[in-house]
Amino acid sequence: MVTYLNFACTTASSFWLEVCTPSHTRFFERPGRLTAIQAAWPTWHVHEWVWHERNPGQDTRNNRAYERFRDGLITGCAGLGWLRDVSDASKHCGIGRTPRVDQVSGTGLHTTGEITDVFGMRPDTQADPLVLHVDGVPHAFDSVLRTAIVYWRTNYFA
């Protein structure tokens, strides 16, 4: 049995428009660890919205049809699997399955000045470009995210 608590988002498309798209915009406006995690999470998890919209009431746990759907997405867009690793590792710290991403680099922050925010003056930091290493091959996070966005838009949210 599945219980839906869709607090205003009631479709995969509304989740895409109201959650995914703003998180992508934030990342591209201000790339860094925080915005990368905030963009990776919904970009991966929108697949569950798509699944539930197509299979109402079906639980994803121990569900072979769901697993085939999920694995097909990763086959169709390898970057989704990499974003899954970023999403899971940022939430759980460790991943209990074999990750596709070997390493994330370029996460160092350096100060670029000061800004005023609601808490007063604080250092303004900029992150080095994030790079996901898969089988020893570096992939720029921004390119991985763009590819996943294009995949979703082309196949599900045209």
N, C-alpha and C. Protein backbone atom coordinates (compact mmCIF):
# COMPACT_ATOMS: atom_id res chain seq x y z
N MET A 1 0.84 -1.19 0.00
CA MET A 1 0.00 0.00 0.00
C MET A 1 0.88 1.24 0.00
N VAL A 2 0.56 2.18 -0.83
CA VAL A 2 1.31 3.42 -0.94
C VAL A 2 0.40 4.56 -0.52
N THR A 3 0.93 5.45 0.30
CA THR A 3 0.21 6.66 0.70
C THR A 3 0.87 7.85 0.02
N TYR A 4 0.07 8.68 -0.61
CA TYR A 4 0.61 9.84 -1.31
C TYR A 4 0.39 11.11 -0.48
N LEU A 5 1.48 11.82 -0.23
CA LEU A 5 1.44 13.11 0.47
C LEU A 5 2.01 14.16 -0.47
N ASN A 6 1.30 14.47 -1.51
CA ASN A 6 1.84 15.28 -2.59
C ASN A 6 1.79 16.79 -2.37
N PHE A 7 1.53 17.23 -1.18
CA PHE A 7 1.51 18.64 -0.79
C PHE A 7 1.70 19.63 -1.94
N ALA A 8 0.70 19.76 -2.76
CA ALA A 8 0.61 20.70 -3.88
C ALA A 8 1.11 20.12 -5.19
N CYS A 9 2.23 19.39 -5.20
CA CYS A 9 2.65 18.71 -6.42
C CYS A 9 1.81 17.44 -6.54
N THR A 10 1.08 17.32 -7.63
CA THR A 10 0.23 16.14 -7.77
C THR A 10 0.57 15.32 -9.01
N THR A 11 1.49 15.83 -9.82
CA THR A 11 1.90 15.11 -11.02
C THR A 11 3.43 15.16 -11.15
N ALA A 12 3.95 14.26 -11.96
CA ALA A 12 5.39 14.28 -12.24
C ALA A 12 5.78 15.60 -12.89
N SER A 13 4.92 16.09 -13.78
CA SER A 13 5.22 17.37 -14.45
C SER A 13 5.26 18.53 -13.48
N SER A 14 4.35 18.55 -12.51
CA SER A 14 4.39 19.64 -11.54
C SER A 14 5.63 19.54 -10.65
N PHE A 15 6.03 18.33 -10.29
CA PHE A 15 7.26 18.15 -9.52
C PHE A 15 8.46 18.64 -10.34
N TRP A 16 8.45 18.30 -11.63
CA TRP A 16 9.54 18.74 -12.51
C TRP A 16 9.62 20.26 -12.54
N LEU A 17 8.47 20.91 -12.76
CA LEU A 17 8.45 22.36 -12.90
C LEU A 17 8.68 23.10 -11.59
N GLU A 18 8.12 22.58 -10.49
CA GLU A 18 8.16 23.31 -9.22
C GLU A 18 9.36 22.98 -8.35
N VAL A 19 9.97 21.80 -8.56
CA VAL A 19 11.10 21.40 -7.71
C VAL A 19 12.37 21.24 -8.52
N CYS A 20 12.32 20.46 -9.60
CA CYS A 20 13.53 20.20 -10.38
C CYS A 20 14.07 21.45 -11.06
N THR A 21 13.22 22.12 -11.82
CA THR A 21 13.68 23.26 -12.59
C THR A 21 14.30 24.36 -11.72
N PRO A 22 13.68 24.76 -10.60
CA PRO A 22 14.35 25.76 -9.76
C PRO A 22 15.68 25.27 -9.18
N SER A 23 15.78 23.99 -8.86
CA SER A 23 17.05 23.49 -8.31
C SER A 23 18.14 23.51 -9.39
N HIS A 24 17.76 23.23 -10.64
CA HIS A 24 18.73 23.32 -11.74
C HIS A 24 19.20 24.76 -11.92
N THR A 25 18.25 25.67 -11.91
CA THR A 25 18.58 27.09 -12.07
C THR A 25 19.55 27.55 -10.98
N ARG A 26 19.26 27.19 -9.72
CA ARG A 26 20.16 27.57 -8.61
C ARG A 26 21.56 27.03 -8.83
N PHE A 27 21.65 25.77 -9.27
CA PHE A 27 22.99 25.21 -9.49
C PHE A 27 23.74 25.99 -10.56
N PHE A 28 23.10 26.24 -11.70
CA PHE A 28 23.81 26.89 -12.79
C PHE A 28 24.11 28.36 -12.48
N GLU A 29 23.32 28.99 -11.62
CA GLU A 29 23.61 30.35 -11.20
C GLU A 29 24.74 30.40 -10.18
N ARG A 30 24.82 29.40 -9.34
CA ARG A 30 25.81 29.37 -8.26
C ARG A 30 26.28 27.94 -8.02
N PRO A 31 27.12 27.41 -8.93
CA PRO A 31 27.57 26.03 -8.80
C PRO A 31 28.40 25.81 -7.54
N GLY A 32 28.17 24.72 -6.89
CA GLY A 32 28.92 24.35 -5.69
C GLY A 32 28.34 23.08 -5.10
N ARG A 33 28.92 22.64 -4.00
CA ARG A 33 28.47 21.41 -3.35
C ARG A 33 27.00 21.44 -3.01
N LEU A 34 26.58 22.49 -2.32
CA LEU A 34 25.20 22.58 -1.85
C LEU A 34 24.23 22.55 -3.02
N THR A 35 24.45 23.39 -4.00
CA THR A 35 23.50 23.46 -5.11
C THR A 35 23.58 22.21 -5.99
N ALA A 36 24.74 21.55 -6.03
CA ALA A 36 24.85 20.29 -6.78
C ALA A 36 23.99 19.21 -6.11
N ILE A 37 24.08 19.12 -4.80
CA ILE A 37 23.25 18.15 -4.07
C ILE A 37 21.78 18.49 -4.24
N GLN A 38 21.46 19.78 -4.13
CA GLN A 38 20.06 20.19 -4.27
C GLN A 38 19.53 19.96 -5.68
N ALA A 39 20.38 19.92 -6.68
CA ALA A 39 19.95 19.64 -8.04
C ALA A 39 19.93 18.14 -8.32
N ALA A 40 20.89 17.41 -7.77
CA ALA A 40 20.97 15.95 -8.02
C ALA A 40 19.75 15.23 -7.44
N TRP A 41 19.38 15.61 -6.24
CA TRP A 41 18.31 14.89 -5.54
C TRP A 41 17.01 14.84 -6.35
N PRO A 42 16.40 15.95 -6.74
CA PRO A 42 15.14 15.84 -7.47
C PRO A 42 15.32 15.33 -8.90
N THR A 43 16.49 15.58 -9.50
CA THR A 43 16.71 15.11 -10.87
C THR A 43 16.71 13.59 -10.90
N TRP A 44 17.22 12.96 -9.87
CA TRP A 44 17.14 11.50 -9.78
C TRP A 44 15.74 11.07 -9.34
N HIS A 45 15.22 11.66 -8.29
CA HIS A 45 13.99 11.16 -7.68
C HIS A 45 12.72 11.45 -8.47
N VAL A 46 12.78 12.29 -9.49
CA VAL A 46 11.59 12.52 -10.30
C VAL A 46 11.13 11.21 -10.96
N HIS A 47 12.06 10.25 -11.09
CA HIS A 47 11.67 8.97 -11.69
C HIS A 47 10.59 8.28 -10.86
N GLU A 48 10.59 8.48 -9.56
CA GLU A 48 9.56 7.86 -8.71
C GLU A 48 8.20 8.52 -8.96
N TRP A 49 8.21 9.81 -9.24
CA TRP A 49 6.96 10.49 -9.60
C TRP A 49 6.41 9.92 -10.90
N VAL A 50 7.30 9.75 -11.87
CA VAL A 50 6.88 9.19 -13.16
C VAL A 50 6.34 7.77 -12.94
N TRP A 51 7.06 6.96 -12.16
CA TRP A 51 6.63 5.59 -11.90
C TRP A 51 5.23 5.57 -11.26
N HIS A 52 5.06 6.34 -10.20
CA HIS A 52 3.77 6.31 -9.48
C HIS A 52 2.63 6.87 -10.32
N GLU A 53 2.93 7.84 -11.17
CA GLU A 53 1.89 8.37 -12.04
C GLU A 53 1.42 7.28 -13.02
N ARG A 54 2.33 6.47 -13.48
CA ARG A 54 2.01 5.40 -14.43
C ARG A 54 1.52 4.13 -13.74
N ASN A 55 1.83 3.97 -12.46
CA ASN A 55 1.50 2.75 -11.71
C ASN A 55 0.92 3.13 -10.35
N PRO A 56 -0.24 3.78 -10.34
CA PRO A 56 -0.78 4.28 -9.07
C PRO A 56 -0.98 3.17 -8.04
N GLY A 57 -0.55 3.50 -6.83
CA GLY A 57 -0.74 2.59 -5.70
C GLY A 57 0.28 1.48 -5.58
N GLN A 58 1.13 1.29 -6.58
CA GLN A 58 2.11 0.21 -6.52
C GLN A 58 3.34 0.64 -5.74
N ASP A 59 3.74 -0.18 -4.81
CA ASP A 59 4.93 0.07 -4.01
C ASP A 59 6.17 -0.21 -4.86
N THR A 60 7.22 0.54 -4.65
CA THR A 60 8.46 0.32 -5.39
C THR A 60 9.35 -0.73 -4.73
N ARG A 61 9.09 -1.03 -3.46
CA ARG A 61 9.93 -2.00 -2.75
C ARG A 61 9.68 -3.41 -3.28
N ASN A 62 10.79 -4.10 -3.57
CA ASN A 62 10.73 -5.49 -4.06
C ASN A 62 9.82 -5.63 -5.27
N ASN A 63 9.84 -4.67 -6.14
CA ASN A 63 8.97 -4.63 -7.31
C ASN A 63 9.85 -4.74 -8.56
N ARG A 64 9.82 -5.89 -9.19
CA ARG A 64 10.67 -6.14 -10.37
C ARG A 64 10.36 -5.17 -11.52
N ALA A 65 9.09 -4.86 -11.72
CA ALA A 65 8.73 -3.94 -12.80
C ALA A 65 9.33 -2.56 -12.54
N TYR A 66 9.28 -2.11 -11.28
CA TYR A 66 9.89 -0.83 -10.93
C TYR A 66 11.40 -0.88 -11.15
N GLU A 67 12.03 -1.97 -10.71
CA GLU A 67 13.47 -2.09 -10.87
C GLU A 67 13.87 -2.06 -12.34
N ARG A 68 13.10 -2.70 -13.21
CA ARG A 68 13.37 -2.66 -14.65
C ARG A 68 13.21 -1.23 -15.18
N PHE A 69 12.17 -0.53 -14.73
CA PHE A 69 11.95 0.86 -15.13
C PHE A 69 13.13 1.72 -14.72
N ARG A 70 13.52 1.62 -13.46
CA ARG A 70 14.64 2.40 -12.92
C ARG A 70 15.93 2.08 -13.66
N ASP A 71 16.22 0.80 -13.84
CA ASP A 71 17.45 0.40 -14.52
C ASP A 71 17.44 0.84 -15.98
N GLY A 72 16.27 0.85 -16.61
CA GLY A 72 16.15 1.32 -17.98
C GLY A 72 16.48 2.79 -18.11
N LEU A 73 16.11 3.57 -17.09
CA LEU A 73 16.45 5.00 -17.10
C LEU A 73 17.96 5.18 -17.07
N ILE A 74 18.62 4.41 -16.22
CA ILE A 74 20.08 4.51 -16.08
C ILE A 74 20.77 4.04 -17.35
N THR A 75 20.20 3.02 -18.00
CA THR A 75 20.75 2.56 -19.27
C THR A 75 20.58 3.65 -20.33
N GLY A 76 19.42 4.32 -20.32
CA GLY A 76 19.14 5.38 -21.28
C GLY A 76 19.95 6.64 -21.06
N CYS A 77 20.33 6.88 -19.82
CA CYS A 77 21.10 8.08 -19.47
C CYS A 77 22.01 7.74 -18.29
N ALA A 78 23.25 7.38 -18.60
CA ALA A 78 24.19 6.96 -17.56
C ALA A 78 24.32 8.01 -16.46
N GLY A 79 24.23 9.28 -16.82
CA GLY A 79 24.35 10.35 -15.84
C GLY A 79 23.31 10.28 -14.75
N LEU A 80 22.13 9.72 -15.04
CA LEU A 80 21.12 9.56 -13.99
C LEU A 80 21.63 8.63 -12.90
N GLY A 81 22.35 7.59 -13.28
CA GLY A 81 22.94 6.70 -12.28
C GLY A 81 23.99 7.40 -11.45
N TRP A 82 24.72 8.30 -12.07
CA TRP A 82 25.74 9.06 -11.33
C TRP A 82 25.07 10.05 -10.38
N LEU A 83 23.98 10.68 -10.84
CA LEU A 83 23.24 11.60 -9.97
C LEU A 83 22.59 10.83 -8.82
N ARG A 84 22.20 9.59 -9.09
CA ARG A 84 21.66 8.73 -8.02
C ARG A 84 22.72 8.55 -6.93
N ASP A 85 23.96 8.28 -7.33
CA ASP A 85 25.04 8.13 -6.35
C ASP A 85 25.24 9.40 -5.54
N VAL A 86 25.26 10.55 -6.20
CA VAL A 86 25.43 11.82 -5.50
C VAL A 86 24.26 12.03 -4.54
N SER A 87 23.06 11.77 -5.01
CA SER A 87 21.86 11.95 -4.19
C SER A 87 21.89 11.03 -2.97
N ASP A 88 22.15 9.75 -3.19
CA ASP A 88 22.16 8.79 -2.09
C ASP A 88 23.30 9.06 -1.10
N ALA A 89 24.49 9.35 -1.61
CA ALA A 89 25.62 9.60 -0.73
C ALA A 89 25.43 10.87 0.08
N SER A 90 24.79 11.88 -0.51
CA SER A 90 24.58 13.13 0.23
C SER A 90 23.52 12.95 1.32
N LYS A 91 22.62 12.02 1.13
CA LYS A 91 21.58 11.77 2.12
C LYS A 91 22.03 10.79 3.19
N HIS A 92 22.69 9.73 2.77
CA HIS A 92 23.01 8.62 3.69
C HIS A 92 24.47 8.55 4.09
N CYS A 93 25.33 9.34 3.52
CA CYS A 93 26.77 9.34 3.72
C CYS A 93 27.41 8.16 3.00
N GLY A 94 26.97 6.96 3.29
CA GLY A 94 27.50 5.77 2.62
C GLY A 94 26.45 5.17 1.71
N ILE A 95 26.91 4.40 0.74
CA ILE A 95 26.01 3.74 -0.20
C ILE A 95 26.14 2.23 0.00
N GLY A 96 25.02 1.55 0.21
CA GLY A 96 25.03 0.12 0.47
C GLY A 96 25.06 -0.75 -0.77
N ARG A 97 25.16 -0.16 -1.92
CA ARG A 97 25.29 -0.89 -3.19
C ARG A 97 26.56 -0.40 -3.85
N THR A 98 26.98 -1.06 -4.90
CA THR A 98 28.18 -0.63 -5.60
C THR A 98 27.86 0.65 -6.38
N PRO A 99 28.52 1.75 -6.02
CA PRO A 99 28.24 3.00 -6.73
C PRO A 99 28.88 3.00 -8.12
N ARG A 100 28.34 3.80 -8.99
CA ARG A 100 28.92 4.00 -10.31
C ARG A 100 30.02 5.06 -10.27
N VAL A 101 29.88 6.03 -9.38
CA VAL A 101 30.87 7.10 -9.22
C VAL A 101 31.97 6.62 -8.29
N ASP A 102 33.22 6.71 -8.76
CA ASP A 102 34.37 6.30 -7.95
C ASP A 102 34.77 7.38 -6.95
N GLN A 103 34.67 8.63 -7.40
CA GLN A 103 35.17 9.74 -6.60
C GLN A 103 34.53 11.04 -7.09
N VAL A 104 34.40 11.99 -6.18
CA VAL A 104 33.97 13.34 -6.53
C VAL A 104 35.13 14.26 -6.16
N SER A 105 35.53 15.10 -7.09
CA SER A 105 36.63 16.01 -6.80
C SER A 105 36.20 17.43 -7.12
N GLY A 106 37.04 18.36 -6.70
CA GLY A 106 36.76 19.76 -6.96
C GLY A 106 35.76 20.34 -6.00
N THR A 107 35.67 19.76 -4.80
CA THR A 107 34.68 20.25 -3.85
C THR A 107 35.27 21.26 -2.86
N GLY A 108 36.49 21.70 -3.10
CA GLY A 108 37.09 22.68 -2.21
C GLY A 108 36.45 24.05 -2.37
N LEU A 109 36.27 24.73 -1.27
CA LEU A 109 35.70 26.07 -1.30
C LEU A 109 36.80 27.10 -1.04
N HIS A 110 36.70 28.22 -1.67
CA HIS A 110 37.62 29.32 -1.39
C HIS A 110 36.82 30.62 -1.31
N THR A 111 37.32 31.56 -0.53
CA THR A 111 36.62 32.82 -0.30
C THR A 111 36.87 33.76 -1.47
N THR A 112 35.77 34.39 -1.92
CA THR A 112 35.88 35.33 -3.03
C THR A 112 35.52 36.75 -2.60
N GLY A 113 35.22 36.95 -1.35
CA GLY A 113 34.84 38.27 -0.85
C GLY A 113 33.86 38.12 0.29
N GLU A 114 33.05 39.16 0.51
CA GLU A 114 32.03 39.10 1.54
C GLU A 114 30.70 39.52 0.95
N ILE A 115 29.63 38.94 1.49
CA ILE A 115 28.29 39.33 1.08
C ILE A 115 27.47 39.61 2.31
N THR A 116 26.41 40.34 2.14
CA THR A 116 25.49 40.58 3.23
C THR A 116 24.27 39.71 3.00
N ASP A 117 23.93 38.95 4.02
CA ASP A 117 22.73 38.13 3.94
C ASP A 117 21.88 38.43 5.17
N VAL A 118 20.84 37.67 5.39
CA VAL A 118 19.94 37.94 6.52
C VAL A 118 20.64 37.80 7.86
N PHE A 119 21.80 37.15 7.89
CA PHE A 119 22.53 36.98 9.14
C PHE A 119 23.66 37.99 9.29
N GLY A 120 23.78 38.91 8.36
CA GLY A 120 24.85 39.90 8.41
C GLY A 120 25.95 39.56 7.41
N MET A 121 27.12 40.14 7.61
CA MET A 121 28.24 39.90 6.69
C MET A 121 28.79 38.50 6.91
N ARG A 122 29.11 37.86 5.81
CA ARG A 122 29.77 36.56 5.88
C ARG A 122 30.63 36.39 4.64
N PRO A 123 31.61 35.51 4.72
CA PRO A 123 32.45 35.28 3.54
C PRO A 123 31.61 34.70 2.40
N ASP A 124 31.88 35.14 1.21
CA ASP A 124 31.26 34.59 0.02
C ASP A 124 32.22 33.55 -0.53
N THR A 125 31.76 32.31 -0.67
CA THR A 125 32.64 31.26 -1.14
C THR A 125 32.24 30.80 -2.53
N GLN A 126 33.20 30.32 -3.24
CA GLN A 126 32.98 29.74 -4.56
C GLN A 126 33.61 28.36 -4.55
N ALA A 127 32.90 27.40 -5.08
CA ALA A 127 33.44 26.04 -5.13
C ALA A 127 34.23 25.84 -6.40
N ASP A 128 35.25 25.00 -6.31
CA ASP A 128 35.93 24.57 -7.52
C ASP A 128 34.93 23.74 -8.33
N PRO A 129 35.09 23.68 -9.64
CA PRO A 129 34.15 22.89 -10.44
C PRO A 129 34.10 21.44 -9.94
N LEU A 130 32.89 20.93 -9.82
CA LEU A 130 32.70 19.56 -9.36
C LEU A 130 32.94 18.58 -10.51
N VAL A 131 33.63 17.51 -10.20
CA VAL A 131 33.93 16.49 -11.19
C VAL A 131 33.58 15.13 -10.60
N LEU A 132 32.81 14.34 -11.35
CA LEU A 132 32.48 12.97 -10.96
C LEU A 132 33.42 12.04 -11.73
N HIS A 133 34.09 11.17 -11.02
CA HIS A 133 35.01 10.22 -11.66
C HIS A 133 34.32 8.87 -11.73
N VAL A 134 34.16 8.35 -12.94
CA VAL A 134 33.49 7.08 -13.17
C VAL A 134 34.46 6.19 -13.95
N ASP A 135 34.83 5.07 -13.33
CA ASP A 135 35.84 4.19 -13.94
C ASP A 135 37.10 4.96 -14.30
N GLY A 136 37.46 5.89 -13.44
CA GLY A 136 38.67 6.68 -13.64
C GLY A 136 38.54 7.81 -14.66
N VAL A 137 37.37 7.95 -15.27
CA VAL A 137 37.16 8.99 -16.28
C VAL A 137 36.44 10.17 -15.64
N PRO A 138 37.00 11.38 -15.75
CA PRO A 138 36.35 12.55 -15.15
C PRO A 138 35.18 13.05 -16.00
N HIS A 139 34.10 13.43 -15.31
CA HIS A 139 32.91 14.01 -15.95
C HIS A 139 32.52 15.25 -15.16
N ALA A 140 32.48 16.40 -15.81
CA ALA A 140 32.09 17.64 -15.14
C ALA A 140 30.64 17.53 -14.68
N PHE A 141 30.38 17.85 -13.42
CA PHE A 141 29.04 17.73 -12.88
C PHE A 141 28.03 18.54 -13.68
N ASP A 142 28.40 19.75 -14.09
CA ASP A 142 27.45 20.57 -14.83
C ASP A 142 27.04 19.90 -16.14
N SER A 143 27.97 19.23 -16.81
CA SER A 143 27.64 18.51 -18.05
C SER A 143 26.74 17.30 -17.77
N VAL A 144 27.02 16.60 -16.69
CA VAL A 144 26.20 15.44 -16.31
C VAL A 144 24.77 15.90 -16.03
N LEU A 145 24.64 16.99 -15.28
CA LEU A 145 23.31 17.51 -14.96
C LEU A 145 22.59 17.96 -16.23
N ARG A 146 23.28 18.68 -17.10
CA ARG A 146 22.66 19.13 -18.36
C ARG A 146 22.16 17.93 -19.19
N THR A 147 22.97 16.89 -19.27
CA THR A 147 22.60 15.70 -20.04
C THR A 147 21.35 15.05 -19.43
N ALA A 148 21.28 14.97 -18.11
CA ALA A 148 20.11 14.38 -17.45
C ALA A 148 18.87 15.24 -17.69
N ILE A 149 19.02 16.55 -17.63
CA ILE A 149 17.90 17.46 -17.89
C ILE A 149 17.37 17.25 -19.31
N VAL A 150 18.28 17.20 -20.27
CA VAL A 150 17.88 16.98 -21.66
C VAL A 150 17.19 15.63 -21.80
N TYR A 151 17.70 14.60 -21.13
CA TYR A 151 17.08 13.27 -21.18
C TYR A 151 15.64 13.32 -20.67
N TRP A 152 15.46 13.93 -19.50
CA TRP A 152 14.11 14.01 -18.93
C TRP A 152 13.18 14.81 -19.83
N ARG A 153 13.67 15.95 -20.31
CA ARG A 153 12.82 16.80 -21.17
C ARG A 153 12.46 16.08 -22.47
N THR A 154 13.40 15.40 -23.06
CA THR A 154 13.17 14.72 -24.34
C THR A 154 12.21 13.55 -24.18
N ASN A 155 12.36 12.79 -23.10
CA ASN A 155 11.62 11.54 -22.96
C ASN A 155 10.37 11.62 -22.11
N TYR A 156 10.28 12.61 -21.23
CA TYR A 156 9.14 12.64 -20.29
C TYR A 156 8.46 13.99 -20.15
N PHE A 157 9.20 15.07 -20.26
CA PHE A 157 8.63 16.39 -19.97
C PHE A 157 8.77 17.33 -21.16
N ALA A 158 8.45 16.84 -22.35
CA ALA A 158 8.58 17.65 -23.58
C ALA A 158 7.55 18.76 -23.60
